[in-house]
C-alpha atoms as a PDB file:
ATOM      1  CA  MET A   1      82.806  -3.435  13.077  1.00  0.00           C
ATOM      2  CA  LYS A   2      83.301  -6.462  15.359  1.00  0.00           C
ATOM      3  CA  LYS A   3      81.046  -9.407  14.818  1.00  0.00           C
ATOM      4  CA  ARG A   4      79.455  -8.942  18.360  1.00  0.00           C
ATOM      5  CA  GLU A   5      78.445  -5.448  17.278  1.00  0.00           C
ATOM      6  CA  VAL A   6      77.106  -6.488  14.177  1.00  0.00           C
ATOM      7  CA  PHE A   7      75.327  -9.200  16.141  1.00  0.00           C
ATOM      8  CA  ILE A   8      73.949  -6.808  18.592  1.00  0.00           C
ATOM      9  CA  ILE A   9      72.212  -4.377  15.971  1.00  0.00           C
ATOM     10  CA  ALA A  10      70.795  -7.354  14.136  1.00  0.00           C
ATOM     11  CA  ILE A  11      69.003  -8.411  17.234  1.00  0.00           C
ATOM     12  CA  LEU A  12      67.962  -4.685  17.746  1.00  0.00           C
ATOM     13  CA  CYS A  13      66.668  -4.445  14.128  1.00  0.00           C
ATOM     14  CA  LEU A  14      64.960  -7.841  14.474  1.00  0.00           C
ATOM     15  CA  SER A  15      63.326  -6.635  17.933  1.00  0.00           C
ATOM     16  CA  LEU A  16      62.279  -3.233  16.290  1.00  0.00           C
ATOM     17  CA  TRP A  17      60.681  -5.110  13.296  1.00  0.00           C
ATOM     18  CA  PHE A  18      59.107  -7.633  15.689  1.00  0.00           C
ATOM     19  CA  ASN A  19      57.644  -4.743  17.833  1.00  0.00           C
ATOM     20  CA  PHE A  20      56.250  -2.862  14.736  1.00  0.00           C
ATOM     21  CA  THR A  21      54.677  -5.821  13.613  1.00  0.00           C
ATOM     22  CA  THR A  22      53.122  -6.683  16.745  1.00  0.00           C
ATOM     23  CA  LEU A  23      51.785  -3.088  17.290  1.00  0.00           C
ATOM     24  CA  ASN A  24      50.224  -3.337  13.700  1.00  0.00           C
ATOM     25  CA  LYS A  25      48.666  -6.446  14.668  1.00  0.00           C
ATOM     26  CA  VAL A  26      47.490  -5.170  17.854  1.00  0.00           C
ATOM     27  CA  GLU A  27      46.097  -1.958  16.394  1.00  0.00           C
ATOM     28  CA  GLU A  28      44.120  -4.024  13.640  1.00  0.00           C
ATOM     29  CA  GLN A  29      42.736  -6.259  16.413  1.00  0.00           C
ATOM     30  CA  ARG A  30      41.508  -2.954  18.246  1.00  0.00           C
ATOM     31  CA  LYS A  31      39.935  -1.561  15.054  1.00  0.00           C
ATOM     32  CA  GLN A  32      38.099  -4.826  14.532  1.00  0.00           C
ATOM     33  CA  ILE A  33      37.029  -5.078  18.398  1.00  0.00           C
ATOM     34  CA  ASP A  34      35.938  -1.394  18.036  1.00  0.00           C
ATOM     35  CA  TYR A  35      33.867  -2.105  14.758  1.00  0.00           C
ATOM     36  CA  SER A  36      32.227  -5.269  16.445  1.00  0.00           C
ATOM     37  CA  ILE A  37      31.224  -3.045  19.619  1.00  0.00           C
ATOM     38  CA  SER A  38      29.725  -0.419  17.211  1.00  0.00           C
ATOM     39  CA  LEU A  39      27.621  -3.248  15.185  1.00  0.00           C
ATOM     40  CA  LEU A  40      26.711  -4.382  18.709  1.00  0.00           C
ATOM     41  CA  ASN A  41      25.505  -1.010  19.849  1.00  0.00           C
ATOM     42  CA  GLN A  42      23.674  -0.573  16.544  1.00  0.00           C
ATOM     43  CA  LEU A  43      21.875  -3.703  17.047  1.00  0.00           C
ATOM     44  CA  ASN A  44      20.877  -2.887  20.572  1.00  0.00           C
ATOM     45  CA  ASN A  45      19.439   0.191  19.608  1.00  0.00           C
ATOM     46  CA  LEU A  46      17.511  -1.366  16.918  1.00  0.00           C
ATOM     47  CA  LEU A  47      16.201  -3.797  19.390  1.00  0.00           C
ATOM     48  CA  THR A  48      15.189  -1.098  21.878  1.00  0.00           C
ATOM     49  CA  HIS A  49      13.540   1.077  19.189  1.00  0.00           C
ATOM     50  CA  THR A  50      11.379  -2.032  18.114  1.00  0.00           C
ATOM     51  CA  SER A  51      10.466  -2.663  21.452  1.00  0.00           C
ATOM     52  CA  ASN A  52       9.366   0.402  22.326  1.00  0.00           C
ATOM     53  CA  GLN A  53       7.318   0.615  19.181  1.00  0.00           C
ATOM     54  CA  MET A  54       5.771  -2.710  20.161  1.00  0.00           C
ATOM     55  CA  ASN A  55       4.914  -1.586  23.350  1.00  0.00           C
ATOM     56  CA  GLN A  56       3.467   1.688  22.246  1.00  0.00           C
ATOM     57  CA  ILE A  57       1.256  -0.362  19.701  1.00  0.00           C
ATOM     58  CA  ALA A  58       0.361  -2.744  22.714  1.00  0.00           C
ATOM     59  CA  VAL A  59      -0.535   0.278  24.817  1.00  0.00           C
ATOM     60  CA  GLU A  60      -2.529   1.939  22.292  1.00  0.00           C
ATOM     61  CA  LYS A  61      -4.527  -1.315  21.131  1.00  0.00           C
ATOM     62  CA  GLU A  62      -5.246  -1.696  25.053  1.00  0.00           C
ATOM     63  CA  TRP A  63      -6.222   2.077  25.561  1.00  0.00           C
ATOM     64  CA  ILE A  64      -8.177   2.207  21.888  1.00  0.00           C
ATOM     65  CA  GLN A  65     -10.053  -0.920  22.412  1.00  0.00           C
ATOM     66  CA  SER A  66     -12.304  -0.761  19.328  1.00  0.00           C
ATOM     67  CA  ALA A  67     -12.385   1.633  16.282  1.00  0.00           C
ATOM     68  CA  ASN A  68     -15.193   1.217  13.670  1.00  0.00           C
ATOM     69  CA  PHE A  69     -16.054   2.957  10.446  1.00  0.00           C
ATOM     70  CA  SER A  70     -19.320   2.806   8.498  1.00  0.00           C
ATOM     71  CA  LEU A  71     -20.732   5.030   5.725  1.00  0.00           C
ATOM     72  CA  VAL A  72     -23.667   7.334   6.341  1.00  0.00           C
ATOM     73  CA  SER A  73     -25.471   6.585   2.961  1.00  0.00           C
ATOM     74  CA  LYS A  74     -28.264   8.993   3.369  1.00  0.00           C
ATOM     75  CA  GLU A  75     -26.080  11.981   3.775  1.00  0.00           C
ATOM     76  CA  SER A  76     -23.313  10.773   1.169  1.00  0.00           C
ATOM     77  CA  ARG A  77     -22.900  11.877  -2.493  1.00  0.00           C
ATOM     78  CA  GLU A  78     -20.808  10.688  -5.417  1.00  0.00           C
ATOM     79  CA  ASP A  79     -18.104  13.214  -4.597  1.00  0.00           C
ATOM     80  CA  ARG A  80     -18.538  13.622  -0.834  1.00  0.00           C
ATOM     81  CA  MET A  81     -18.721  10.536   1.281  1.00  0.00           C
ATOM     82  CA  VAL A  82     -19.851  11.056   4.884  1.00  0.00           C
ATOM     83  CA  VAL A  83     -18.203   8.430   7.214  1.00  0.00           C
ATOM     84  CA  ARG A  84     -19.004   7.671  10.830  1.00  0.00           C
ATOM     85  CA  GLY A  85     -16.172   6.416  13.350  1.00  0.00           C
ATOM     86  CA  GLU A  86     -17.099   4.985  16.824  1.00  0.00           C
ATOM     87  CA  PHE A  87     -14.344   4.428  19.437  1.00  0.00           C
ATOM     88  CA  THR A  88     -14.344   2.885  22.556  1.00  0.00           C
ATOM     89  CA  PHE A  89     -11.522   3.535  25.288  1.00  0.00           C
ATOM     90  CA  LEU A  90     -10.213   1.590  28.191  1.00  0.00           C
ATOM     91  CA  GLU A  91      -9.846   4.774  30.304  1.00  0.00           C
ATOM     92  CA  LEU A  92      -9.982   8.649  30.086  1.00  0.00           C
ATOM     93  CA  LYS A  93      -9.238  11.130  32.718  1.00  0.00           C
ATOM     94  CA  ALA A  94     -12.071  13.839  33.465  1.00  0.00           C
ATOM     95  CA  ASN A  95     -10.365  16.744  31.644  1.00  0.00           C
ATOM     96  CA  GLN A  96      -9.270  14.741  28.498  1.00  0.00           C
ATOM     97  CA  LYS A  97     -11.058  15.286  25.260  1.00  0.00           C
ATOM     98  CA  PRO A  98     -10.216  12.543  22.848  1.00  0.00           C
ATOM     99  CA  THR A  99      -9.571  14.105  19.255  1.00  0.00           C
ATOM    100  CA  ILE A 100      -9.062  12.477  15.908  1.00  0.00           C
ATOM    101  CA  PHE A 101      -6.755  13.981  13.213  1.00  0.00           C
ATOM    102  CA  TYR A 102      -7.084  12.792   9.733  1.00  0.00           C
ATOM    103  CA  ARG A 103      -5.555  13.451   6.323  1.00  0.00           C
ATOM    104  CA  GLU A 104      -5.190  12.377   2.716  1.00  0.00           C
ATOM    105  CA  LYS A 105      -2.450   9.797   2.426  1.00  0.00           C
ATOM    106  CA  ASP A 106       0.939  11.238   1.343  1.00  0.00           C
ATOM    107  CA  THR A 107      -0.061  14.856   2.295  1.00  0.00           C
ATOM    108  CA  THR A 108       1.296  16.727   5.172  1.00  0.00           C
ATOM    109  CA  GLU A 109      -1.756  18.778   6.997  1.00  0.00           C
ATOM    110  CA  TRP A 110      -4.186  17.199   9.345  1.00  0.00           C
ATOM    111  CA  THR A 111      -7.678  18.124  10.015  1.00  0.00           C
ATOM    112  CA  LYS A 112      -8.659  18.101  13.568  1.00  0.00           C
ATOM    113  CA  GLU A 113     -12.010  17.013  14.918  1.00  0.00           C
ATOM    114  CA  VAL A 114     -12.857  16.473  18.652  1.00  0.00           C
ATOM    115  CA  LEU A 115     -15.005  13.248  19.245  1.00  0.00           C
ATOM    116  CA  ASP A 116     -18.349  13.437  20.613  1.00  0.00           C
ATOM    117  CA  SER A 117     -19.389  11.674  23.663  1.00  0.00           C
ATOM    118  CA  LEU A 118     -21.783   8.674  23.308  1.00  0.00           C
ATOM    119  CA  GLY A 119     -21.764   8.025  27.023  1.00  0.00           C
ATOM    120  CA  GLY A 120     -19.181   6.223  29.164  1.00  0.00           C
ATOM    121  CA  LEU A 121     -16.055   5.678  27.242  1.00  0.00           C
ATOM    122  CA  ASN A 122     -17.601   5.395  23.632  1.00  0.00           C
ATOM    123  CA  TYR A 123     -17.043   8.325  21.453  1.00  0.00           C
ATOM    124  CA  ALA A 124     -17.829   9.232  17.728  1.00  0.00           C
ATOM    125  CA  VAL A 125     -17.088  11.419  15.010  1.00  0.00           C
ATOM    126  CA  VAL A 126     -18.440  12.258  11.532  1.00  0.00           C
ATOM    127  CA  VAL A 127     -16.043  13.216   8.590  1.00  0.00           C
ATOM    128  CA  THR A 128     -16.552  13.848   4.681  1.00  0.00           C
ATOM    129  CA  LEU A 129     -14.087  11.904   2.558  1.00  0.00           C
ATOM    130  CA  SER A 130     -13.549  11.865  -1.278  1.00  0.00           C
ATOM    131  CA  PRO A 131     -14.220   8.612  -2.526  1.00  0.00           C
ATOM    132  CA  GLU A 132     -11.140   8.460  -4.875  1.00  0.00           C
ATOM    133  CA  LYS A 133      -8.771   9.209  -2.129  1.00  0.00           C
ATOM    134  CA  HIS A 134      -6.953   7.138   0.811  1.00  0.00           C
ATOM    135  CA  TYR A 135      -6.980   8.536   4.349  1.00  0.00           C
ATOM    136  CA  GLU A 136      -5.273   7.973   7.464  1.00  0.00           C
ATOM    137  CA  TYR A 137      -5.597   8.864  11.193  1.00  0.00           C
ATOM    138  CA  GLN A 138      -4.385   9.344  14.635  1.00  0.00           C
ATOM    139  CA  ILE A 139      -6.283   9.487  17.965  1.00  0.00           C
ATOM    140  CA  SER A 140      -5.007  11.797  20.818  1.00  0.00           C
ATOM    141  CA  ALA A 141      -6.455  11.822  24.342  1.00  0.00           C
ATOM    142  CA  GLU A 142      -4.998  15.102  24.868  1.00  0.00           C
ATOM    143  CA  GLY A 143      -6.110  16.991  21.562  1.00  0.00           C
ATOM    144  CA  ASP A 144      -2.214  17.175  20.723  1.00  0.00           C
ATOM    145  CA  ILE A 145      -1.013  15.215  17.731  1.00  0.00           C
ATOM    146  CA  SER A 146       2.322  15.144  19.261  1.00  0.00           C
ATOM    147  CA  LYS A 147       0.877  12.879  21.646  1.00  0.00           C
ATOM    148  CA  GLY A 148      -1.285  11.004  19.251  1.00  0.00           C
ATOM    149  CA  SER A 149      -1.404   7.273  18.710  1.00  0.00           C
ATOM    150  CA  THR A 150       0.496   5.489  15.496  1.00  0.00           C
ATOM    151  CA  VAL A 151      -0.994   6.495  12.074  1.00  0.00           C
ATOM    152  CA  LEU A 152      -3.676   4.138  11.075  1.00  0.00           C
ATOM    153  CA  THR A 153      -6.004   3.805   8.025  1.00  0.00           C
ATOM    154  CA  ILE A 154      -9.483   4.465   7.184  1.00  0.00           C
ATOM    155  CA  PRO A 155     -10.763   1.520   5.038  1.00  0.00           C
ATOM    156  CA  GLN A 156     -11.284   2.840   1.555  1.00  0.00           C
ATOM    157  CA  LYS A 157     -13.965  -0.148   0.660  1.00  0.00           C
ATOM    158  CA  ILE A 158     -16.337   1.667   3.263  1.00  0.00           C
ATOM    159  CA  TYR A 159     -16.646   4.952   1.269  1.00  0.00           C
ATOM    160  CA  GLY A 160     -14.749   4.440  -2.105  1.00  0.00           C
ATOM    161  CA  PHE A 161     -15.597   3.147  -5.277  1.00  0.00           C
ATOM    162  CA  PRO A 162     -16.474  -0.635  -5.532  1.00  0.00           C
ATOM    163  CA  GLU A 163     -13.489  -2.818  -5.363  1.00  0.00           C
ATOM    164  CA  LYS A 164     -12.969  -4.624  -8.766  1.00  0.00           C
ATOM    165  CA  LYS A 165     -11.585  -8.112  -9.665  1.00  0.00           C
ATOM    166  CA  ILE A 166     -10.484  -8.903 -13.066  1.00  0.00           C
ATOM    167  CA  ASP A 167     -10.028 -12.587 -14.538  1.00  0.00           C
ATOM    168  CA  ILE A 168      -8.874 -13.344 -18.032  1.00  0.00           C
ATOM    169  CA  THR A 169      -8.788 -17.180 -19.484  1.00  0.00           C
ATOM    170  CA  PHE A 170      -7.123 -17.934 -22.673  1.00  0.00           C
ATOM    171  CA  LEU A 171      -8.237 -20.814 -24.852  1.00  0.00           C
ATOM    172  CA  PRO A 172      -6.456 -21.735 -28.273  1.00  0.00           C
ATOM    173  CA  VAL A 173      -8.844 -21.823 -31.338  1.00  0.00           C
ATOM    174  CA  LYS A 174      -8.401 -25.090 -33.196  1.00  0.00           C
ATOM    175  CA  ASN A 175      -7.011 -24.825 -36.682  1.00  0.00           C
ATOM    176  CA  SER A 176      -6.606 -21.205 -36.319  1.00  0.00           C
ATOM    177  CA  SER A 177      -4.031 -18.371 -35.802  1.00  0.00           C
ATOM    178  CA  THR A 178      -6.121 -17.117 -32.855  1.00  0.00           C
ATOM    179  CA  LEU A 179      -6.450 -17.087 -29.194  1.00  0.00           C
ATOM    180  CA  SER A 180      -9.873 -16.747 -27.809  1.00  0.00           C
ATOM    181  CA  ALA A 181     -10.070 -14.783 -24.310  1.00  0.00           C
ATOM    182  CA  GLN A 182     -12.971 -14.637 -21.901  1.00  0.00           C
ATOM    183  CA  VAL A 183     -12.620 -11.526 -19.890  1.00  0.00           C
ATOM    184  CA  TYR A 184     -14.587 -11.284 -16.430  1.00  0.00           C
ATOM    185  CA  VAL A 185     -14.630  -8.170 -14.465  1.00  0.00           C
ATOM    186  CA  GLY A 186     -16.465  -8.272 -11.123  1.00  0.00           C
ATOM    187  CA  PHE A 187     -17.234  -5.508  -8.706  1.00  0.00           C
ATOM    188  CA  ALA A 188     -18.048  -5.421  -5.063  1.00  0.00           C
ATOM    189  CA  PRO A 189     -21.416  -3.783  -4.026  1.00  0.00           C
ATOM    190  CA  ALA A 190     -21.534  -0.115  -4.472  1.00  0.00           C
ATOM    191  CA  PRO A 191     -21.492   1.937  -1.147  1.00  0.00           C
ATOM    192  CA  ILE A 192     -24.219   4.358  -2.964  1.00  0.00           C
ATOM    193  CA  GLU A 193     -26.332   3.842  -6.021  1.00  0.00           C
ATOM    194  CA  ALA A 194     -24.502   6.821  -7.812  1.00  0.00           C
ATOM    195  CA  MET A 195     -21.223   4.705  -7.448  1.00  0.00           C
ATOM    196  CA  THR A 196     -22.730   1.771  -9.370  1.00  0.00           C
ATOM    197  CA  PRO A 197     -20.843   0.746 -12.533  1.00  0.00           C
ATOM    198  CA  VAL A 198     -22.778   1.033 -15.643  1.00  0.00           C
ATOM    199  CA  LYS A 199     -20.123   0.378 -18.569  1.00  0.00           C
ATOM    200  CA  VAL A 200     -16.837  -1.607 -18.788  1.00  0.00           C
ATOM    201  CA  SER A 201     -14.474  -1.865 -21.507  1.00  0.00           C
ATOM    202  CA  ILE A 202     -11.114  -3.316 -21.884  1.00  0.00           C
ATOM    203  CA  GLN A 203      -8.500  -1.249 -23.777  1.00  0.00           C
ATOM    204  CA  ILE A 204      -5.757  -3.473 -25.464  1.00  0.00           C
ATOM    205  CA  GLU A 205      -2.250  -1.799 -25.758  1.00  0.00           C
ATOM    206  CA  ASN A 206       0.996  -2.507 -27.293  1.00  0.00           C
ATOM    207  CA  GLU A 207       4.264  -0.627 -25.993  1.00  0.00           C
ATOM    208  CA  GLY A 208       1.834   2.130 -24.797  1.00  0.00           C
ATOM    209  CA  LYS A 209      -0.394   2.451 -27.967  1.00  0.00           C
ATOM    210  CA  LEU A 210      -3.898   1.624 -28.109  1.00  0.00           C
ATOM    211  CA  THR A 211      -4.708  -1.217 -30.585  1.00  0.00           C
ATOM    212  CA  ARG A 212      -8.225  -1.998 -29.548  1.00  0.00           C
ATOM    213  CA  THR A 213     -11.234  -1.316 -27.390  1.00  0.00           C
ATOM    214  CA  VAL A 214     -13.462  -4.462 -26.364  1.00  0.00           C
ATOM    215  CA  PRO A 215     -16.744  -3.378 -24.677  1.00  0.00           C
ATOM    216  CA  LEU A 216     -17.981  -6.020 -22.035  1.00  0.00           C
ATOM    217  CA  THR A 217     -21.547  -6.819 -21.697  1.00  0.00           C
ATOM    218  CA  LEU A 218     -23.544  -7.132 -18.373  1.00  0.00           C
ATOM    219  CA  LYS A 219     -24.100 -10.668 -17.292  1.00  0.00           C
ATOM    220  CA  SER A 220     -27.708 -11.242 -16.944  1.00  0.00           C
ATOM    221  CA  GLY A 221     -29.032 -11.972 -13.461  1.00  0.00           C
ATOM    222  CA  LEU A 222     -25.951 -10.828 -11.542  1.00  0.00           C
ATOM    223  CA  ASN A 223     -25.747  -6.981 -10.179  1.00  0.00           C
ATOM    224  CA  SER A 224     -22.616  -4.942 -10.952  1.00  0.00           C
ATOM    225  CA  GLU A 225     -20.754  -7.823 -12.695  1.00  0.00           C
ATOM    226  CA  PHE A 226     -19.668  -7.782 -16.211  1.00  0.00           C
ATOM    227  CA  SER A 227     -18.138 -10.331 -18.617  1.00  0.00           C
ATOM    228  CA  GLY A 228     -17.230 -10.553 -22.355  1.00  0.00           C
ATOM    229  CA  THR A 229     -15.674 -12.491 -25.140  1.00  0.00           C
ATOM    230  CA  TRP A 230     -13.234 -11.249 -27.616  1.00  0.00           C
ATOM    231  CA  GLU A 231     -10.547 -12.867 -29.876  1.00  0.00           C
ATOM    232  CA  GLN A 232      -7.050 -11.449 -30.626  1.00  0.00           C
ATOM    233  CA  ASN A 233      -4.685 -12.491 -33.394  1.00  0.00           C
ATOM    234  CA  LYS A 234      -1.885 -14.331 -31.552  1.00  0.00           C
ATOM    235  CA  GLN A 235       0.883 -12.722 -34.027  1.00  0.00           C
ATOM    236  CA  GLU A 236      -0.256  -9.412 -32.563  1.00  0.00           C
ATOM    237  CA  MET A 237       0.015 -10.359 -28.986  1.00  0.00           C
ATOM    238  CA  SER A 238       3.351  -9.712 -27.616  1.00  0.00           C
ATOM    239  CA  SER A 239       5.143  -9.906 -24.169  1.00  0.00           C
ATOM    240  CA  ASN A 240       4.152  -6.253 -23.540  1.00  0.00           C
ATOM    241  CA  THR A 241       0.704  -6.522 -24.515  1.00  0.00           C
ATOM    242  CA  GLU A 242      -1.221  -4.619 -21.762  1.00  0.00           C
ATOM    243  CA  PHE A 243      -5.044  -4.644 -20.401  1.00  0.00           C
ATOM    244  CA  VAL A 244      -6.495  -1.256 -19.411  1.00  0.00           C
ATOM    245  CA  THR A 245      -9.865  -1.687 -17.398  1.00  0.00           C
ATOM    246  CA  VAL A 246     -12.135   1.369 -18.255  1.00  0.00           C
ATOM    247  CA  THR A 247     -15.132   1.674 -15.960  1.00  0.00           C
ATOM    248  CA  GLU A 248     -17.833   4.274 -16.143  1.00  0.00           C
ATOM    249  CA  PHE A 249     -19.880   4.704 -13.098  1.00  0.00           C
ATOM    250  CA  LYS A 250     -23.585   5.943 -12.800  1.00  0.00           C
ATOM    251  CA  ASN A 251     -22.401   9.375 -11.730  1.00  0.00           C
ATOM    252  CA  GLY A 252     -20.418   9.890 -14.739  1.00  0.00           C
ATOM    253  CA  VAL A 253     -16.926   9.420 -12.968  1.00  0.00           C
ATOM    254  CA  ILE A 254     -14.626   7.169 -15.392  1.00  0.00           C
ATOM    255  CA  ILE A 255     -11.708   5.238 -13.759  1.00  0.00           C
ATOM    256  CA  LYS A 256      -8.918   3.904 -15.989  1.00  0.00           C
ATOM    257  CA  GLU A 257      -6.750   1.038 -14.383  1.00  0.00           C
ATOM    258  CA  LYS A 258      -3.732  -0.644 -16.098  1.00  0.00           C
ATOM    259  CA  THR A 259      -3.597  -3.791 -14.041  1.00  0.00           C
ATOM    260  CA  ASN A 260      -2.675  -6.749 -16.527  1.00  0.00           C
ATOM    261  CA  THR A 261       0.149  -7.496 -18.877  1.00  0.00           C
ATOM    262  CA  ILE A 262      -0.223 -10.502 -21.292  1.00  0.00           C
ATOM    263  CA  ILE A 263       2.718 -12.951 -21.770  1.00  0.00           C
ATOM    264  CA  HIS A 264       2.565 -14.670 -25.036  1.00  0.00           C
ATOM    265  CA  GLU A 265       4.562 -17.872 -25.686  1.00  0.00           C
ATOM    266  CA  GLY A 266       3.771 -19.692 -28.513  1.00  0.00           C
ATOM    267  CA  ASN A 267       0.173 -20.557 -28.941  1.00  0.00           C
ATOM    268  CA  ARG A 268      -0.372 -20.090 -25.312  1.00  0.00           C
ATOM    269  CA  ALA A 269      -0.765 -16.907 -23.052  1.00  0.00           C
ATOM    270  CA  SER A 270      -0.739 -16.102 -19.617  1.00  0.00           C
ATOM    271  CA  GLN A 271      -1.260 -12.843 -17.490  1.00  0.00           C
ATOM    272  CA  ARG A 272       0.458 -11.203 -14.650  1.00  0.00           C
ATOM    273  CA  ILE A 273      -0.650  -8.161 -12.431  1.00  0.00           C
ATOM    274  CA  ILE A 274       1.612  -5.220 -12.692  1.00  0.00           C
ATOM    275  CA  SER A 275       1.709  -2.190 -10.389  1.00  0.00           C
ATOM    276  CA  GLU A 276      -1.845  -0.607 -10.730  1.00  0.00           C
ATOM    277  CA  GLU A 277      -1.766   2.806 -12.554  1.00  0.00           C
ATOM    278  CA  LYS A 278      -5.292   4.361 -11.804  1.00  0.00           C
ATOM    279  CA  GLU A 279      -6.534   7.542 -13.606  1.00  0.00           C
ATOM    280  CA  VAL A 280      -9.829   9.039 -12.330  1.00  0.00           C
ATOM    281  CA  ILE A 281     -11.778  11.079 -14.849  1.00  0.00           C
ATOM    282  CA  SER A 282     -14.715  13.011 -13.586  1.00  0.00           C
ATOM    283  CA  GLY A 283     -17.549  13.126 -15.781  1.00  0.00           C
ATOM    284  CA  SER A 284     -19.203  16.464 -17.121  1.00  0.00           C
END
């Protein structure tokens, strides 16, 4: 084979290699461009969806001008709380009947109630709720849940057992191997007398096992507020020591709430709130 032919073949091979490499790079760049376009489309869809949601919320806030809930104390009992909801709307057509759909949270079945007119654009409804449960609702002007508002919450503090606050202060005991702890448990006013707390205690657990129950005493001069003092040997207090608040109410209902973990470091201790585990025990 002549040198000239070898040279031509070499040039052709080099050209083929160059074209192949270029095509691969072009294909890779095309894929990157397609991927970037896909990301931009996803971002655009997300922004559009968010914008639509914000517009929907803005429209609803304008249409439902006010929504207020209150407890009907005289008709409420410890196992059934009667709650009145009052709503004011921006406008309604002549044939529209505003309707509330409500349900227990994390369930699927809605209860439907047509609102009663109070005159003008003011409407009201009365519903019966369980004090241990959380409820959510939607409002529809058409009586059709598919055309309802966003899902909103009925404030449980209106009809539920009184809210509780626990505070624990640790103090080292001089020349002693114990830690002194002042425990305070305070309650918001009960919605009805039957839901007033009458007995509070603290269960101390280690690795899920009950080690001690400490009753708390009512602090004189304060309604529905409890405090107590107890001592715990620091050798027995570990990082997984937990406090369980046990509250018995006037109607016999007992609520156990695991809310605090005690962290022990040397002769000091601190507390942190863990995910609340609530157990409701109905009285006999």
